[in-house]
Amino acid sequence: MGESLLFVYGTLRTGLPNHVHMAPFPFRFKARTVDNYPLVIASPYNIPFLINKKGLGHQVCGEVYEVGDQLECLDEFENVPVVYERKMVKIMTEDGEQFDAWVYVLETFNQELLALTYLEDYSEAHSSSRMLQGI
């Protein structure tokens, strides 16, 4: 089942600007990464990036969707492989059940990103502040 699960941690989440792209897919459950990863907000557009540096940062909160065979369409939206890479990570439900799920990560990045504040949860507040800035 893990082959078709997608863990989303940023603007694809419910109530956030790009959630429209997840609308066709069934929501499965809320989860967090089993391992710690740095989740930062960067770029002139305050985009959330999950950096592929396992062991740094926090267990990252997100949502899991059943995407079936539509990963390539989402890859195109997420600009894989130019911006993000898609990789399999271990996630954990609120009840502690673990699954493998796909997630979009920054594989190649400026090391200065590691000096930014690491988030556990990219929330509507982060997204709203971006919109308030007129971006």
N, C-alpha and C. Protein backbone atom coordinates (compact mmCIF):
# COMPACT_ATOMS: atom_id res chain seq x y z
N MET A 1 0.81 -1.19 0.00
CA MET A 1 0.00 0.00 0.00
C MET A 1 0.86 1.26 0.00
N GLY A 2 2.02 1.25 0.60
CA GLY A 2 2.88 2.42 0.70
C GLY A 2 3.26 3.02 -0.63
N GLU A 3 3.25 2.22 -1.69
CA GLU A 3 3.64 2.72 -3.00
C GLU A 3 2.76 3.86 -3.46
N SER A 4 1.49 3.93 -3.00
CA SER A 4 0.59 4.96 -3.49
C SER A 4 0.20 5.98 -2.42
N LEU A 5 0.89 6.00 -1.30
CA LEU A 5 0.63 7.01 -0.26
C LEU A 5 1.58 8.19 -0.46
N LEU A 6 1.03 9.40 -0.31
CA LEU A 6 1.84 10.61 -0.39
C LEU A 6 1.66 11.40 0.89
N PHE A 7 2.78 11.73 1.54
CA PHE A 7 2.80 12.55 2.74
C PHE A 7 3.04 13.99 2.32
N VAL A 8 2.12 14.90 2.68
CA VAL A 8 2.27 16.31 2.33
C VAL A 8 2.41 17.13 3.61
N TYR A 9 3.33 18.07 3.61
CA TYR A 9 3.69 18.82 4.82
C TYR A 9 3.54 20.33 4.65
N GLY A 10 3.29 20.80 3.44
CA GLY A 10 3.30 22.23 3.16
C GLY A 10 2.00 22.71 2.54
N THR A 11 2.13 23.44 1.45
CA THR A 11 0.97 24.11 0.85
C THR A 11 -0.03 23.17 0.19
N LEU A 12 0.28 21.89 0.10
CA LEU A 12 -0.69 20.91 -0.42
C LEU A 12 -1.67 20.46 0.66
N ARG A 13 -1.43 20.82 1.91
CA ARG A 13 -2.29 20.40 3.01
C ARG A 13 -3.65 21.10 2.97
N THR A 14 -4.61 20.49 3.64
CA THR A 14 -5.97 21.01 3.73
C THR A 14 -5.96 22.47 4.19
N GLY A 15 -6.73 23.30 3.45
CA GLY A 15 -6.87 24.70 3.81
C GLY A 15 -5.76 25.61 3.33
N LEU A 16 -4.76 25.04 2.68
CA LEU A 16 -3.63 25.85 2.21
C LEU A 16 -3.70 26.04 0.70
N PRO A 17 -2.94 27.00 0.17
CA PRO A 17 -3.15 27.47 -1.20
C PRO A 17 -3.12 26.41 -2.30
N ASN A 18 -2.30 25.37 -2.18
CA ASN A 18 -2.20 24.40 -3.27
C ASN A 18 -2.96 23.10 -3.00
N HIS A 19 -3.81 23.12 -1.97
CA HIS A 19 -4.57 21.91 -1.65
C HIS A 19 -5.47 21.47 -2.80
N VAL A 20 -5.83 22.40 -3.66
CA VAL A 20 -6.68 22.06 -4.81
C VAL A 20 -6.10 20.89 -5.60
N HIS A 21 -4.79 20.74 -5.61
CA HIS A 21 -4.14 19.66 -6.35
C HIS A 21 -4.33 18.30 -5.66
N MET A 22 -4.72 18.32 -4.38
CA MET A 22 -4.95 17.07 -3.65
C MET A 22 -6.42 16.69 -3.64
N ALA A 23 -7.29 17.60 -4.08
CA ALA A 23 -8.74 17.38 -4.02
C ALA A 23 -9.20 16.06 -4.65
N PRO A 24 -8.59 15.60 -5.75
CA PRO A 24 -9.05 14.35 -6.35
C PRO A 24 -8.70 13.10 -5.53
N PHE A 25 -7.83 13.24 -4.54
CA PHE A 25 -7.30 12.08 -3.84
C PHE A 25 -7.90 11.93 -2.45
N PRO A 26 -8.19 10.69 -2.05
CA PRO A 26 -8.75 10.48 -0.71
C PRO A 26 -7.72 10.76 0.39
N PHE A 27 -8.17 11.57 1.36
CA PHE A 27 -7.38 11.80 2.56
C PHE A 27 -7.40 10.52 3.38
N ARG A 28 -6.22 10.09 3.86
CA ARG A 28 -6.16 8.87 4.66
C ARG A 28 -6.04 9.16 6.15
N PHE A 29 -5.05 9.98 6.55
CA PHE A 29 -4.86 10.26 7.97
C PHE A 29 -3.80 11.34 8.15
N LYS A 30 -3.80 11.92 9.37
CA LYS A 30 -2.72 12.83 9.76
C LYS A 30 -1.56 11.97 10.23
N ALA A 31 -0.35 12.48 10.01
CA ALA A 31 0.84 11.70 10.38
C ALA A 31 2.00 12.65 10.63
N ARG A 32 3.11 12.05 11.03
CA ARG A 32 4.37 12.79 11.15
C ARG A 32 5.47 11.85 10.69
N THR A 33 6.60 12.42 10.32
CA THR A 33 7.73 11.58 9.93
C THR A 33 8.23 10.84 11.16
N VAL A 34 8.68 9.62 10.98
CA VAL A 34 9.28 8.86 12.09
C VAL A 34 10.62 9.49 12.46
N ASP A 35 11.39 9.84 11.46
CA ASP A 35 12.70 10.46 11.67
C ASP A 35 12.57 11.98 11.64
N ASN A 36 13.55 12.64 12.21
CA ASN A 36 13.62 14.09 12.16
C ASN A 36 14.17 14.55 10.82
N TYR A 37 13.59 15.65 10.32
CA TYR A 37 14.06 16.31 9.10
C TYR A 37 13.95 17.81 9.31
N PRO A 38 14.83 18.59 8.68
CA PRO A 38 14.67 20.04 8.75
C PRO A 38 13.60 20.51 7.76
N LEU A 39 12.58 21.15 8.29
CA LEU A 39 11.55 21.80 7.48
C LEU A 39 11.76 23.29 7.65
N VAL A 40 12.05 23.98 6.56
CA VAL A 40 12.35 25.41 6.61
C VAL A 40 11.45 26.16 5.64
N ILE A 41 11.33 27.44 5.88
CA ILE A 41 10.63 28.32 4.95
C ILE A 41 11.70 29.19 4.30
N ALA A 42 11.73 29.18 2.97
CA ALA A 42 12.79 29.90 2.25
C ALA A 42 12.27 30.39 0.92
N SER A 43 13.11 31.09 0.21
CA SER A 43 12.89 31.68 -1.11
C SER A 43 12.12 32.98 -0.96
N PRO A 44 12.12 33.79 -1.98
CA PRO A 44 11.36 35.05 -1.92
C PRO A 44 9.86 34.82 -1.72
N TYR A 45 9.40 33.59 -1.95
CA TYR A 45 7.98 33.26 -1.84
C TYR A 45 7.63 32.54 -0.56
N ASN A 46 8.59 32.43 0.38
CA ASN A 46 8.36 31.75 1.67
C ASN A 46 7.81 30.33 1.48
N ILE A 47 8.45 29.58 0.64
CA ILE A 47 8.02 28.21 0.34
C ILE A 47 8.55 27.26 1.41
N PRO A 48 7.72 26.31 1.86
CA PRO A 48 8.23 25.31 2.81
C PRO A 48 9.03 24.24 2.06
N PHE A 49 10.20 23.94 2.58
CA PHE A 49 11.07 22.92 2.00
C PHE A 49 11.43 21.90 3.08
N LEU A 50 11.24 20.65 2.78
CA LEU A 50 11.73 19.57 3.64
C LEU A 50 13.08 19.15 3.08
N ILE A 51 14.13 19.39 3.87
CA ILE A 51 15.49 19.12 3.40
C ILE A 51 15.84 17.67 3.73
N ASN A 52 16.41 16.99 2.78
CA ASN A 52 16.74 15.58 2.97
C ASN A 52 18.03 15.44 3.79
N LYS A 53 17.94 15.78 5.06
CA LYS A 53 19.04 15.64 6.03
C LYS A 53 18.46 14.94 7.25
N LYS A 54 18.26 13.65 7.10
CA LYS A 54 17.67 12.84 8.17
C LYS A 54 18.48 12.99 9.46
N GLY A 55 17.76 13.19 10.57
CA GLY A 55 18.41 13.33 11.87
C GLY A 55 18.45 14.76 12.37
N LEU A 56 18.33 15.75 11.47
CA LEU A 56 18.26 17.15 11.89
C LEU A 56 16.79 17.55 12.02
N GLY A 57 16.54 18.61 12.75
CA GLY A 57 15.19 19.16 12.79
C GLY A 57 14.24 18.41 13.71
N HIS A 58 13.02 18.21 13.22
CA HIS A 58 11.94 17.63 14.02
C HIS A 58 11.25 16.52 13.23
N GLN A 59 10.41 15.78 13.95
CA GLN A 59 9.44 14.94 13.25
C GLN A 59 8.45 15.92 12.63
N VAL A 60 8.25 15.84 11.34
CA VAL A 60 7.45 16.82 10.62
C VAL A 60 6.00 16.35 10.50
N CYS A 61 5.07 17.24 10.81
CA CYS A 61 3.64 16.94 10.75
C CYS A 61 3.11 17.12 9.33
N GLY A 62 2.12 16.30 8.99
CA GLY A 62 1.51 16.44 7.67
C GLY A 62 0.27 15.59 7.53
N GLU A 63 -0.14 15.42 6.29
CA GLU A 63 -1.32 14.64 5.93
C GLU A 63 -0.93 13.59 4.90
N VAL A 64 -1.67 12.50 4.89
CA VAL A 64 -1.38 11.41 3.96
C VAL A 64 -2.59 11.19 3.06
N TYR A 65 -2.29 11.08 1.76
CA TYR A 65 -3.32 10.87 0.74
C TYR A 65 -3.01 9.62 -0.05
N GLU A 66 -4.05 8.95 -0.51
CA GLU A 66 -3.93 7.81 -1.42
C GLU A 66 -3.95 8.37 -2.83
N VAL A 67 -2.81 8.30 -3.54
CA VAL A 67 -2.72 8.95 -4.85
C VAL A 67 -2.70 7.98 -6.02
N GLY A 68 -2.75 6.69 -5.71
CA GLY A 68 -2.80 5.70 -6.78
C GLY A 68 -1.65 5.85 -7.76
N ASP A 69 -1.98 5.87 -9.03
CA ASP A 69 -0.94 5.94 -10.07
C ASP A 69 -0.75 7.36 -10.59
N GLN A 70 -1.13 8.37 -9.79
CA GLN A 70 -1.07 9.77 -10.24
C GLN A 70 0.16 10.53 -9.74
N LEU A 71 1.14 9.82 -9.21
CA LEU A 71 2.33 10.51 -8.69
C LEU A 71 3.04 11.35 -9.75
N GLU A 72 3.08 10.87 -10.97
CA GLU A 72 3.79 11.63 -12.01
C GLU A 72 3.14 12.98 -12.28
N CYS A 73 1.82 13.06 -12.16
CA CYS A 73 1.13 14.35 -12.33
C CYS A 73 1.52 15.31 -11.20
N LEU A 74 1.58 14.79 -9.98
CA LEU A 74 2.00 15.61 -8.85
C LEU A 74 3.48 15.98 -8.95
N ASP A 75 4.29 15.05 -9.47
CA ASP A 75 5.71 15.36 -9.70
C ASP A 75 5.85 16.58 -10.60
N GLU A 76 5.03 16.64 -11.63
CA GLU A 76 5.09 17.76 -12.56
C GLU A 76 4.75 19.06 -11.83
N PHE A 77 3.69 19.04 -11.01
CA PHE A 77 3.32 20.24 -10.26
C PHE A 77 4.44 20.65 -9.30
N GLU A 78 5.08 19.67 -8.65
CA GLU A 78 6.14 19.95 -7.68
C GLU A 78 7.51 20.18 -8.34
N ASN A 79 7.52 20.16 -9.67
CA ASN A 79 8.72 20.48 -10.44
C ASN A 79 9.88 19.50 -10.15
N VAL A 80 9.54 18.22 -10.12
CA VAL A 80 10.55 17.15 -9.97
C VAL A 80 11.17 16.90 -11.34
N PRO A 81 12.44 16.82 -11.48
CA PRO A 81 13.52 16.85 -10.49
C PRO A 81 14.22 18.20 -10.37
N VAL A 82 13.65 19.27 -10.94
CA VAL A 82 14.33 20.56 -10.94
C VAL A 82 14.40 21.16 -9.53
N VAL A 83 13.28 21.15 -8.81
CA VAL A 83 13.25 21.72 -7.46
C VAL A 83 13.31 20.61 -6.42
N TYR A 84 12.33 19.73 -6.47
CA TYR A 84 12.22 18.66 -5.48
C TYR A 84 12.61 17.31 -6.07
N GLU A 85 12.87 16.38 -5.17
CA GLU A 85 12.96 14.96 -5.49
C GLU A 85 11.87 14.27 -4.69
N ARG A 86 11.38 13.16 -5.20
CA ARG A 86 10.39 12.38 -4.44
C ARG A 86 11.10 11.18 -3.87
N LYS A 87 10.94 10.98 -2.56
CA LYS A 87 11.57 9.82 -1.92
C LYS A 87 10.60 9.18 -0.94
N MET A 88 10.88 7.94 -0.60
CA MET A 88 10.06 7.21 0.35
C MET A 88 10.61 7.44 1.76
N VAL A 89 9.70 7.76 2.70
CA VAL A 89 10.08 7.93 4.10
C VAL A 89 9.10 7.15 4.97
N LYS A 90 9.52 6.90 6.20
CA LYS A 90 8.65 6.28 7.20
C LYS A 90 7.83 7.38 7.86
N ILE A 91 6.52 7.14 7.95
CA ILE A 91 5.63 8.06 8.65
C ILE A 91 4.89 7.30 9.73
N MET A 92 4.33 8.05 10.68
CA MET A 92 3.64 7.45 11.81
C MET A 92 2.31 8.17 12.03
N THR A 93 1.25 7.38 12.22
CA THR A 93 -0.06 7.96 12.51
C THR A 93 -0.09 8.45 13.95
N GLU A 94 -1.15 9.14 14.30
CA GLU A 94 -1.32 9.60 15.67
C GLU A 94 -1.40 8.43 16.65
N ASP A 95 -1.79 7.25 16.15
CA ASP A 95 -1.88 6.04 16.99
C ASP A 95 -0.58 5.26 17.03
N GLY A 96 0.45 5.74 16.33
CA GLY A 96 1.74 5.08 16.35
C GLY A 96 1.96 4.04 15.27
N GLU A 97 0.96 3.84 14.40
CA GLU A 97 1.12 2.88 13.30
C GLU A 97 2.04 3.49 12.24
N GLN A 98 2.97 2.68 11.72
CA GLN A 98 3.95 3.19 10.76
C GLN A 98 3.66 2.69 9.35
N PHE A 99 3.94 3.56 8.39
CA PHE A 99 3.77 3.28 6.97
C PHE A 99 4.95 3.88 6.21
N ASP A 100 5.15 3.41 4.99
CA ASP A 100 6.05 4.06 4.04
C ASP A 100 5.20 4.95 3.15
N ALA A 101 5.68 6.15 2.90
CA ALA A 101 4.95 7.07 2.02
C ALA A 101 5.95 7.91 1.24
N TRP A 102 5.51 8.35 0.08
CA TRP A 102 6.31 9.26 -0.73
C TRP A 102 6.23 10.66 -0.14
N VAL A 103 7.28 11.44 -0.30
CA VAL A 103 7.31 12.83 0.13
C VAL A 103 8.25 13.59 -0.81
N TYR A 104 7.96 14.89 -0.96
CA TYR A 104 8.82 15.73 -1.79
C TYR A 104 9.86 16.41 -0.90
N VAL A 105 11.14 16.25 -1.26
CA VAL A 105 12.24 16.78 -0.46
C VAL A 105 13.21 17.57 -1.34
N LEU A 106 13.96 18.46 -0.68
CA LEU A 106 15.09 19.11 -1.34
C LEU A 106 16.29 18.21 -1.17
N GLU A 107 16.82 17.74 -2.27
CA GLU A 107 18.00 16.88 -2.26
C GLU A 107 19.26 17.71 -2.45
N THR A 108 19.18 18.70 -3.34
CA THR A 108 20.29 19.60 -3.62
C THR A 108 19.88 20.98 -3.12
N PHE A 109 20.69 21.58 -2.25
CA PHE A 109 20.28 22.83 -1.63
C PHE A 109 21.50 23.61 -1.18
N ASN A 110 21.30 24.90 -0.98
CA ASN A 110 22.33 25.78 -0.44
C ASN A 110 22.46 25.47 1.06
N GLN A 111 23.66 25.24 1.52
CA GLN A 111 23.89 24.89 2.93
C GLN A 111 23.36 25.94 3.90
N GLU A 112 23.20 27.18 3.44
CA GLU A 112 22.67 28.23 4.29
C GLU A 112 21.25 27.93 4.77
N LEU A 113 20.53 27.10 4.02
CA LEU A 113 19.18 26.73 4.45
C LEU A 113 19.19 26.01 5.80
N LEU A 114 20.29 25.31 6.09
CA LEU A 114 20.37 24.58 7.36
C LEU A 114 20.53 25.51 8.56
N ALA A 115 20.80 26.79 8.31
CA ALA A 115 20.92 27.77 9.40
C ALA A 115 19.56 28.41 9.73
N LEU A 116 18.53 28.13 8.92
CA LEU A 116 17.20 28.69 9.17
C LEU A 116 16.51 27.95 10.32
N THR A 117 15.45 28.53 10.83
CA THR A 117 14.66 27.90 11.89
C THR A 117 13.97 26.67 11.33
N TYR A 118 14.06 25.57 12.07
CA TYR A 118 13.39 24.32 11.67
C TYR A 118 11.99 24.29 12.26
N LEU A 119 11.02 23.99 11.42
CA LEU A 119 9.63 23.89 11.84
C LEU A 119 9.24 22.43 12.04
N GLU A 120 8.27 22.23 12.90
CA GLU A 120 7.67 20.91 13.06
C GLU A 120 6.41 20.82 12.23
N ASP A 121 5.75 21.97 12.06
CA ASP A 121 4.44 21.98 11.41
C ASP A 121 4.30 23.27 10.60
N TYR A 122 4.18 23.14 9.29
CA TYR A 122 3.91 24.30 8.44
C TYR A 122 2.41 24.53 8.49
N SER A 123 1.99 25.64 9.05
CA SER A 123 0.58 25.86 9.30
C SER A 123 -0.01 26.92 8.39
N GLU A 124 -1.31 27.11 8.55
CA GLU A 124 -2.01 28.14 7.81
C GLU A 124 -1.44 29.52 8.13
N ALA A 125 -0.96 29.70 9.36
CA ALA A 125 -0.37 30.98 9.74
C ALA A 125 0.85 31.30 8.88
N HIS A 126 1.68 30.30 8.61
CA HIS A 126 2.85 30.52 7.76
C HIS A 126 2.41 30.89 6.34
N SER A 127 1.40 30.19 5.86
CA SER A 127 0.91 30.46 4.51
C SER A 127 0.25 31.82 4.44
N SER A 128 -0.52 32.18 5.46
CA SER A 128 -1.22 33.46 5.49
C SER A 128 -0.22 34.61 5.51
N SER A 129 0.86 34.46 6.26
CA SER A 129 1.84 35.54 6.30
C SER A 129 2.44 35.76 4.92
N ARG A 130 2.56 34.67 4.17
CA ARG A 130 3.07 34.81 2.80
C ARG A 130 2.07 35.60 1.97
N MET A 131 0.79 35.30 2.13
CA MET A 131 -0.23 36.00 1.34
C MET A 131 -0.32 37.47 1.75
N LEU A 132 -0.18 37.75 3.03
CA LEU A 132 -0.25 39.12 3.50
C LEU A 132 0.89 39.97 2.93
N GLN A 133 1.99 39.33 2.61
CA GLN A 133 3.11 40.05 2.03
C GLN A 133 2.88 40.34 0.54
N GLY A 134 1.74 39.84 0.03
CA GLY A 134 1.41 40.09 -1.35
C GLY A 134 2.17 39.24 -2.34
N ILE A 135 2.60 38.06 -1.86
CA ILE A 135 3.38 37.17 -2.73
C ILE A 135 2.52 36.04 -3.20
